[in-house]
């Protein structure tokens, strides 16, 4: 018997998305199925962050919890790595528990976060303030905070932009291992093709409006197939050759 397609977690169908009067994306019709690994690709300003925010808002309206790792990490520089990660579950504890944990971490919370930090390579930094960390280390803390939320669905806005390709691959594998479904905005084409099952490419039509230009399975795609999503880069390369 043919396998039935699961019901979508979400169907986002909107005429346009934007900020105030500014329209960023038009004619959206996106279904998010459980178990999918979706990479969002497109040049800077193509609308990846806008789409992620819209997906997050729509999921919240349906009471579907999602781990969230935004591009603007929202870490508190003066607080320790441990406390920044613990903030991922502030809404799951009482105010008193959160206050007491700020003063003296409970052993159970400390051990749980230490176990999470180990594969991220930041277990030895848990007592260090975030302001003393490198960009790559801060990105790992932001990922750890999202993972600590403990949800099945992960939304990430360029969560591995500040690490090298090998580390990025390891981090994406860890994200996938802890979440059944993920939607991640990336700049790295190779990472999208090797670690994700579906690719949504954003860009502008001839009318100058942002649209979904590509929504396909990643099987069989090559990085060159995605050149049209980055017209400015292609123009620069052509100019360099001439």
C-alpha atoms as a PDB file:
ATOM      1  CA  UNK A   1       0.000   0.000   0.000  1.00  0.00           C
ATOM      2  CA  UNK A   2       1.239   3.509  -0.756  1.00  0.00           C
ATOM      3  CA  UNK A   3       2.485   5.376   2.295  1.00  0.00           C
ATOM      4  CA  UNK A   4       0.143   8.127   3.419  1.00  0.00           C
ATOM      5  CA  UNK A   5       1.481  11.674   3.563  1.00  0.00           C
ATOM      6  CA  UNK A   6       1.362  12.895   7.172  1.00  0.00           C
ATOM      7  CA  UNK A   7      -0.807  15.863   8.033  1.00  0.00           C
ATOM      8  CA  UNK A   8       1.177  19.108   7.958  1.00  0.00           C
ATOM      9  CA  UNK A   9       2.225  20.723  11.203  1.00  0.00           C
ATOM     10  CA  UNK A  10       1.547  24.022   9.521  1.00  0.00           C
ATOM     11  CA  UNK A  11       0.264  25.474   6.259  1.00  0.00           C
ATOM     12  CA  UNK A  12       1.450  29.038   5.731  1.00  0.00           C
ATOM     13  CA  UNK A  13      -0.526  30.661   2.930  1.00  0.00           C
ATOM     14  CA  UNK A  14      -0.280  34.445   2.712  1.00  0.00           C
ATOM     15  CA  UNK A  15      -0.389  37.095   0.008  1.00  0.00           C
ATOM     16  CA  UNK A  16       2.614  38.843   1.471  1.00  0.00           C
ATOM     17  CA  UNK A  17       4.989  39.114   4.428  1.00  0.00           C
ATOM     18  CA  UNK A  18       6.899  42.171   5.517  1.00  0.00           C
ATOM     19  CA  UNK A  19       7.553  44.841   8.090  1.00  0.00           C
ATOM     20  CA  UNK A  20       4.934  47.560   8.251  1.00  0.00           C
ATOM     21  CA  UNK A  21       4.425  48.912   4.745  1.00  0.00           C
ATOM     22  CA  UNK A  22       7.512  47.121   3.411  1.00  0.00           C
ATOM     23  CA  UNK A  23       6.703  43.896   1.549  1.00  0.00           C
ATOM     24  CA  UNK A  24       9.513  41.329   1.714  1.00  0.00           C
ATOM     25  CA  UNK A  25       7.870  38.164   0.319  1.00  0.00           C
ATOM     26  CA  UNK A  26       4.771  37.584  -1.821  1.00  0.00           C
ATOM     27  CA  UNK A  27       2.504  34.657  -2.705  1.00  0.00           C
ATOM     28  CA  UNK A  28       3.560  32.229   0.014  1.00  0.00           C
ATOM     29  CA  UNK A  29       2.179  28.692   0.120  1.00  0.00           C
ATOM     30  CA  UNK A  30       4.345  26.519   2.361  1.00  0.00           C
ATOM     31  CA  UNK A  31       3.460  23.296   4.160  1.00  0.00           C
ATOM     32  CA  UNK A  32       5.654  22.056   6.985  1.00  0.00           C
ATOM     33  CA  UNK A  33       5.466  18.287   7.505  1.00  0.00           C
ATOM     34  CA  UNK A  34       6.647  16.417  10.610  1.00  0.00           C
ATOM     35  CA  UNK A  35      10.078  14.865  10.176  1.00  0.00           C
ATOM     36  CA  UNK A  36      11.254  17.300   7.510  1.00  0.00           C
ATOM     37  CA  UNK A  37      14.713  18.874   7.496  1.00  0.00           C
ATOM     38  CA  UNK A  38      14.254  22.154   5.630  1.00  0.00           C
ATOM     39  CA  UNK A  39      17.058  24.522   4.647  1.00  0.00           C
ATOM     40  CA  UNK A  40      16.233  28.109   3.691  1.00  0.00           C
ATOM     41  CA  UNK A  41      18.663  29.600   1.190  1.00  0.00           C
ATOM     42  CA  UNK A  42      18.908  32.968  -0.512  1.00  0.00           C
ATOM     43  CA  UNK A  43      21.054  36.064  -0.717  1.00  0.00           C
ATOM     44  CA  UNK A  44      21.172  38.526   2.172  1.00  0.00           C
ATOM     45  CA  UNK A  45      17.877  40.383   2.319  1.00  0.00           C
ATOM     46  CA  UNK A  46      15.981  37.663   0.446  1.00  0.00           C
ATOM     47  CA  UNK A  47      13.552  37.201   3.334  1.00  0.00           C
ATOM     48  CA  UNK A  48      14.860  34.163   5.220  1.00  0.00           C
ATOM     49  CA  UNK A  49      14.544  35.824   8.628  1.00  0.00           C
ATOM     50  CA  UNK A  50      11.118  37.203   7.747  1.00  0.00           C
ATOM     51  CA  UNK A  51       9.884  33.753   6.740  1.00  0.00           C
ATOM     52  CA  UNK A  52      11.249  32.150   9.901  1.00  0.00           C
ATOM     53  CA  UNK A  53       9.541  34.764  12.065  1.00  0.00           C
ATOM     54  CA  UNK A  54       6.260  34.134  10.232  1.00  0.00           C
ATOM     55  CA  UNK A  55       6.582  30.373  10.697  1.00  0.00           C
ATOM     56  CA  UNK A  56       7.318  30.851  14.381  1.00  0.00           C
ATOM     57  CA  UNK A  57       4.320  33.144  14.864  1.00  0.00           C
ATOM     58  CA  UNK A  58       2.017  30.746  13.012  1.00  0.00           C
ATOM     59  CA  UNK A  59       3.235  27.808  15.106  1.00  0.00           C
ATOM     60  CA  UNK A  60       2.616  29.770  18.298  1.00  0.00           C
ATOM     61  CA  UNK A  61      -0.931  30.489  17.141  1.00  0.00           C
ATOM     62  CA  UNK A  62      -1.446  26.736  16.860  1.00  0.00           C
ATOM     63  CA  UNK A  63       0.159  26.108  20.273  1.00  0.00           C
ATOM     64  CA  UNK A  64       3.034  24.194  18.675  1.00  0.00           C
ATOM     65  CA  UNK A  65       6.224  24.733  20.664  1.00  0.00           C
ATOM     66  CA  UNK A  66       9.465  25.226  18.754  1.00  0.00           C
ATOM     67  CA  UNK A  67      13.053  25.671  19.877  1.00  0.00           C
ATOM     68  CA  UNK A  68      14.167  29.061  18.596  1.00  0.00           C
ATOM     69  CA  UNK A  69      17.736  30.124  17.743  1.00  0.00           C
ATOM     70  CA  UNK A  70      17.557  33.658  16.273  1.00  0.00           C
ATOM     71  CA  UNK A  71      20.266  35.470  14.341  1.00  0.00           C
ATOM     72  CA  UNK A  72      20.335  38.140  17.042  1.00  0.00           C
ATOM     73  CA  UNK A  73      21.197  35.728  19.792  1.00  0.00           C
ATOM     74  CA  UNK A  74      19.761  37.679  22.723  1.00  0.00           C
ATOM     75  CA  UNK A  75      22.412  36.413  25.131  1.00  0.00           C
ATOM     76  CA  UNK A  76      23.057  38.364  28.340  1.00  0.00           C
ATOM     77  CA  UNK A  77      26.780  39.274  28.187  1.00  0.00           C
ATOM     78  CA  UNK A  78      27.261  39.700  31.934  1.00  0.00           C
ATOM     79  CA  UNK A  79      25.749  36.329  32.831  1.00  0.00           C
ATOM     80  CA  UNK A  80      27.544  33.005  32.690  1.00  0.00           C
ATOM     81  CA  UNK A  81      27.226  30.441  29.941  1.00  0.00           C
ATOM     82  CA  UNK A  82      25.247  28.262  32.357  1.00  0.00           C
ATOM     83  CA  UNK A  83      22.718  30.970  33.173  1.00  0.00           C
ATOM     84  CA  UNK A  84      22.254  31.951  29.531  1.00  0.00           C
ATOM     85  CA  UNK A  85      21.463  28.355  28.628  1.00  0.00           C
ATOM     86  CA  UNK A  86      19.143  27.957  31.628  1.00  0.00           C
ATOM     87  CA  UNK A  87      17.142  30.903  30.268  1.00  0.00           C
ATOM     88  CA  UNK A  88      15.841  28.530  27.605  1.00  0.00           C
ATOM     89  CA  UNK A  89      13.492  27.073  30.217  1.00  0.00           C
ATOM     90  CA  UNK A  90      12.570  30.134  32.268  1.00  0.00           C
ATOM     91  CA  UNK A  91       8.941  29.712  31.231  1.00  0.00           C
ATOM     92  CA  UNK A  92       8.943  26.144  32.556  1.00  0.00           C
ATOM     93  CA  UNK A  93       9.808  27.107  36.141  1.00  0.00           C
ATOM     94  CA  UNK A  94       8.360  29.380  38.801  1.00  0.00           C
ATOM     95  CA  UNK A  95       9.823  32.829  39.426  1.00  0.00           C
ATOM     96  CA  UNK A  96      11.161  31.633  42.762  1.00  0.00           C
ATOM     97  CA  UNK A  97      12.949  28.672  41.162  1.00  0.00           C
ATOM     98  CA  UNK A  98      14.474  30.945  38.536  1.00  0.00           C
ATOM     99  CA  UNK A  99      15.635  33.447  41.161  1.00  0.00           C
ATOM    100  CA  UNK A 100      17.165  30.780  43.387  1.00  0.00           C
ATOM    101  CA  UNK A 101      18.910  29.228  40.405  1.00  0.00           C
ATOM    102  CA  UNK A 102      20.429  32.609  39.568  1.00  0.00           C
ATOM    103  CA  UNK A 103      21.954  32.757  43.048  1.00  0.00           C
ATOM    104  CA  UNK A 104      22.923  29.091  43.375  1.00  0.00           C
ATOM    105  CA  UNK A 105      22.349  26.606  40.530  1.00  0.00           C
ATOM    106  CA  UNK A 106      20.606  23.391  41.501  1.00  0.00           C
ATOM    107  CA  UNK A 107      22.797  20.302  40.919  1.00  0.00           C
ATOM    108  CA  UNK A 108      20.176  18.667  38.681  1.00  0.00           C
ATOM    109  CA  UNK A 109      19.983  21.719  36.404  1.00  0.00           C
ATOM    110  CA  UNK A 110      23.758  22.078  36.335  1.00  0.00           C
ATOM    111  CA  UNK A 111      24.267  18.437  35.400  1.00  0.00           C
ATOM    112  CA  UNK A 112      21.636  18.553  32.657  1.00  0.00           C
ATOM    113  CA  UNK A 113      23.189  21.633  31.079  1.00  0.00           C
ATOM    114  CA  UNK A 114      26.711  20.228  31.449  1.00  0.00           C
ATOM    115  CA  UNK A 115      25.638  17.107  29.551  1.00  0.00           C
ATOM    116  CA  UNK A 116      24.210  19.320  26.820  1.00  0.00           C
ATOM    117  CA  UNK A 117      27.366  21.459  26.640  1.00  0.00           C
ATOM    118  CA  UNK A 118      29.722  18.496  26.322  1.00  0.00           C
ATOM    119  CA  UNK A 119      29.044  17.650  22.644  1.00  0.00           C
ATOM    120  CA  UNK A 120      29.010  21.378  21.863  1.00  0.00           C
ATOM    121  CA  UNK A 121      32.535  21.773  23.216  1.00  0.00           C
ATOM    122  CA  UNK A 122      31.613  24.388  25.824  1.00  0.00           C
ATOM    123  CA  UNK A 123      31.364  22.272  28.990  1.00  0.00           C
ATOM    124  CA  UNK A 124      34.517  23.909  30.334  1.00  0.00           C
ATOM    125  CA  UNK A 125      33.070  27.391  29.844  1.00  0.00           C
ATOM    126  CA  UNK A 126      29.897  27.107  31.906  1.00  0.00           C
ATOM    127  CA  UNK A 127      31.075  29.494  34.625  1.00  0.00           C
ATOM    128  CA  UNK A 128      32.545  32.019  32.199  1.00  0.00           C
ATOM    129  CA  UNK A 129      30.610  35.165  31.296  1.00  0.00           C
ATOM    130  CA  UNK A 130      29.339  35.311  27.729  1.00  0.00           C
ATOM    131  CA  UNK A 131      31.084  38.657  27.134  1.00  0.00           C
ATOM    132  CA  UNK A 132      34.437  36.832  27.445  1.00  0.00           C
ATOM    133  CA  UNK A 133      33.634  34.360  24.645  1.00  0.00           C
ATOM    134  CA  UNK A 134      34.524  34.345  20.965  1.00  0.00           C
ATOM    135  CA  UNK A 135      31.860  34.672  18.279  1.00  0.00           C
ATOM    136  CA  UNK A 136      31.890  30.950  17.601  1.00  0.00           C
ATOM    137  CA  UNK A 137      31.583  30.114  21.289  1.00  0.00           C
ATOM    138  CA  UNK A 138      28.649  32.496  21.669  1.00  0.00           C
ATOM    139  CA  UNK A 139      26.938  30.811  18.763  1.00  0.00           C
ATOM    140  CA  UNK A 140      27.320  27.457  20.505  1.00  0.00           C
ATOM    141  CA  UNK A 141      25.786  28.919  23.660  1.00  0.00           C
ATOM    142  CA  UNK A 142      22.820  30.189  21.637  1.00  0.00           C
ATOM    143  CA  UNK A 143      22.368  26.728  20.099  1.00  0.00           C
ATOM    144  CA  UNK A 144      22.622  25.114  23.544  1.00  0.00           C
ATOM    145  CA  UNK A 145      19.930  27.443  24.889  1.00  0.00           C
ATOM    146  CA  UNK A 146      17.635  26.439  22.014  1.00  0.00           C
ATOM    147  CA  UNK A 147      18.366  22.730  22.523  1.00  0.00           C
ATOM    148  CA  UNK A 148      17.712  23.071  26.256  1.00  0.00           C
ATOM    149  CA  UNK A 149      14.146  24.150  25.513  1.00  0.00           C
ATOM    150  CA  UNK A 150      13.483  20.485  24.765  1.00  0.00           C
ATOM    151  CA  UNK A 151      11.037  20.815  21.863  1.00  0.00           C
ATOM    152  CA  UNK A 152      10.650  18.474  18.878  1.00  0.00           C
ATOM    153  CA  UNK A 153      10.747  21.304  16.332  1.00  0.00           C
ATOM    154  CA  UNK A 154      13.789  23.540  15.767  1.00  0.00           C
ATOM    155  CA  UNK A 155      13.824  26.916  14.016  1.00  0.00           C
ATOM    156  CA  UNK A 156      17.232  28.494  13.437  1.00  0.00           C
ATOM    157  CA  UNK A 157      18.320  31.702  11.721  1.00  0.00           C
ATOM    158  CA  UNK A 158      21.891  31.075  10.539  1.00  0.00           C
ATOM    159  CA  UNK A 159      22.845  29.252  13.762  1.00  0.00           C
ATOM    160  CA  UNK A 160      26.230  28.092  12.403  1.00  0.00           C
ATOM    161  CA  UNK A 161      27.372  31.230  10.571  1.00  0.00           C
ATOM    162  CA  UNK A 162      30.310  31.891  12.935  1.00  0.00           C
ATOM    163  CA  UNK A 163      31.998  28.479  12.843  1.00  0.00           C
ATOM    164  CA  UNK A 164      34.093  26.658  10.242  1.00  0.00           C
ATOM    165  CA  UNK A 165      32.523  24.123   7.832  1.00  0.00           C
ATOM    166  CA  UNK A 166      33.555  21.058   9.850  1.00  0.00           C
ATOM    167  CA  UNK A 167      32.161  22.484  13.083  1.00  0.00           C
ATOM    168  CA  UNK A 168      29.023  23.634  11.266  1.00  0.00           C
ATOM    169  CA  UNK A 169      28.420  20.086  10.046  1.00  0.00           C
ATOM    170  CA  UNK A 170      28.803  18.697  13.568  1.00  0.00           C
ATOM    171  CA  UNK A 171      26.427  21.284  15.021  1.00  0.00           C
ATOM    172  CA  UNK A 172      23.744  20.635  12.399  1.00  0.00           C
ATOM    173  CA  UNK A 173      24.010  16.897  13.085  1.00  0.00           C
ATOM    174  CA  UNK A 174      23.520  17.590  16.798  1.00  0.00           C
ATOM    175  CA  UNK A 175      20.487  19.781  16.098  1.00  0.00           C
ATOM    176  CA  UNK A 176      18.953  17.058  13.942  1.00  0.00           C
ATOM    177  CA  UNK A 177      19.682  14.380  16.549  1.00  0.00           C
ATOM    178  CA  UNK A 178      17.687  16.292  19.171  1.00  0.00           C
ATOM    179  CA  UNK A 179      14.755  17.428  17.014  1.00  0.00           C
ATOM    180  CA  UNK A 180      12.448  15.470  14.734  1.00  0.00           C
ATOM    181  CA  UNK A 181      11.724  18.476  12.503  1.00  0.00           C
ATOM    182  CA  UNK A 182      13.891  21.479  11.659  1.00  0.00           C
ATOM    183  CA  UNK A 183      13.791  24.630   9.549  1.00  0.00           C
ATOM    184  CA  UNK A 184      17.140  26.412   9.319  1.00  0.00           C
ATOM    185  CA  UNK A 185      18.271  29.471   7.376  1.00  0.00           C
ATOM    186  CA  UNK A 186      21.779  29.042   5.972  1.00  0.00           C
ATOM    187  CA  UNK A 187      24.329  30.643   3.697  1.00  0.00           C
ATOM    188  CA  UNK A 188      26.296  27.420   3.134  1.00  0.00           C
ATOM    189  CA  UNK A 189      24.907  25.599   0.084  1.00  0.00           C
ATOM    190  CA  UNK A 190      26.937  22.425   0.660  1.00  0.00           C
ATOM    191  CA  UNK A 191      25.615  22.153   4.208  1.00  0.00           C
ATOM    192  CA  UNK A 192      22.046  22.517   2.956  1.00  0.00           C
ATOM    193  CA  UNK A 193      22.490  19.774   0.367  1.00  0.00           C
ATOM    194  CA  UNK A 194      24.230  17.265   2.643  1.00  0.00           C
ATOM    195  CA  UNK A 195      22.228  17.656   5.860  1.00  0.00           C
ATOM    196  CA  UNK A 196      18.686  18.577   4.791  1.00  0.00           C
ATOM    197  CA  UNK A 197      15.916  16.786   2.914  1.00  0.00           C
ATOM    198  CA  UNK A 198      14.155  19.824   1.477  1.00  0.00           C
ATOM    199  CA  UNK A 199      15.347  23.183   0.225  1.00  0.00           C
ATOM    200  CA  UNK A 200      13.374  26.412  -0.023  1.00  0.00           C
ATOM    201  CA  UNK A 201      15.164  29.077  -2.048  1.00  0.00           C
ATOM    202  CA  UNK A 202      14.151  32.721  -1.740  1.00  0.00           C
ATOM    203  CA  UNK A 203      14.883  35.563  -4.139  1.00  0.00           C
ATOM    204  CA  UNK A 204      13.419  38.292  -6.301  1.00  0.00           C
ATOM    205  CA  UNK A 205      11.454  37.954  -9.533  1.00  0.00           C
ATOM    206  CA  UNK A 206      11.830  40.367 -12.413  1.00  0.00           C
ATOM    207  CA  UNK A 207       9.163  42.523 -10.740  1.00  0.00           C
ATOM    208  CA  UNK A 208      11.595  43.154  -7.879  1.00  0.00           C
ATOM    209  CA  UNK A 209       9.383  41.366  -5.346  1.00  0.00           C
ATOM    210  CA  UNK A 210      10.617  38.579  -3.092  1.00  0.00           C
ATOM    211  CA  UNK A 211       9.208  35.103  -3.772  1.00  0.00           C
ATOM    212  CA  UNK A 212       9.853  31.427  -3.140  1.00  0.00           C
ATOM    213  CA  UNK A 213      11.897  30.595  -6.243  1.00  0.00           C
ATOM    214  CA  UNK A 214      12.573  26.971  -5.355  1.00  0.00           C
ATOM    215  CA  UNK A 215      10.923  24.386  -3.110  1.00  0.00           C
ATOM    216  CA  UNK A 216      12.307  20.923  -3.820  1.00  0.00           C
ATOM    217  CA  UNK A 217      13.885  17.835  -2.304  1.00  0.00           C
ATOM    218  CA  UNK A 218      17.662  18.113  -2.016  1.00  0.00           C
ATOM    219  CA  UNK A 219      18.320  14.728  -3.662  1.00  0.00           C
ATOM    220  CA  UNK A 220      20.292  15.173  -6.862  1.00  0.00           C
ATOM    221  CA  UNK A 221      20.900  18.905  -6.475  1.00  0.00           C
ATOM    222  CA  UNK A 222      24.381  20.377  -6.791  1.00  0.00           C
ATOM    223  CA  UNK A 223      25.700  23.711  -5.476  1.00  0.00           C
ATOM    224  CA  UNK A 224      25.757  24.973  -9.054  1.00  0.00           C
ATOM    225  CA  UNK A 225      22.022  24.399  -9.367  1.00  0.00           C
ATOM    226  CA  UNK A 226      21.563  27.120  -6.751  1.00  0.00           C
ATOM    227  CA  UNK A 227      23.626  29.849  -8.417  1.00  0.00           C
ATOM    228  CA  UNK A 228      20.499  31.693  -9.545  1.00  0.00           C
ATOM    229  CA  UNK A 229      19.629  32.377  -5.898  1.00  0.00           C
ATOM    230  CA  UNK A 230      22.751  34.554  -5.641  1.00  0.00           C
ATOM    231  CA  UNK A 231      22.725  36.813  -8.725  1.00  0.00           C
ATOM    232  CA  UNK A 232      25.032  39.438  -7.201  1.00  0.00           C
ATOM    233  CA  UNK A 233      27.737  36.832  -6.575  1.00  0.00           C
ATOM    234  CA  UNK A 234      27.391  35.514 -10.125  1.00  0.00           C
ATOM    235  CA  UNK A 235      27.725  39.053 -11.489  1.00  0.00           C
ATOM    236  CA  UNK A 236      30.915  39.648  -9.487  1.00  0.00           C
ATOM    237  CA  UNK A 237      32.435  36.371 -10.675  1.00  0.00           C
ATOM    238  CA  UNK A 238      31.612  37.228 -14.306  1.00  0.00           C
ATOM    239  CA  UNK A 239      33.181  40.657 -13.873  1.00  0.00           C
ATOM    240  CA  UNK A 240      36.336  39.155 -12.368  1.00  0.00           C
ATOM    241  CA  UNK A 241      36.730  36.785 -15.320  1.00  0.00           C
ATOM    242  CA  UNK A 242      36.336  39.547 -17.894  1.00  0.00           C
END
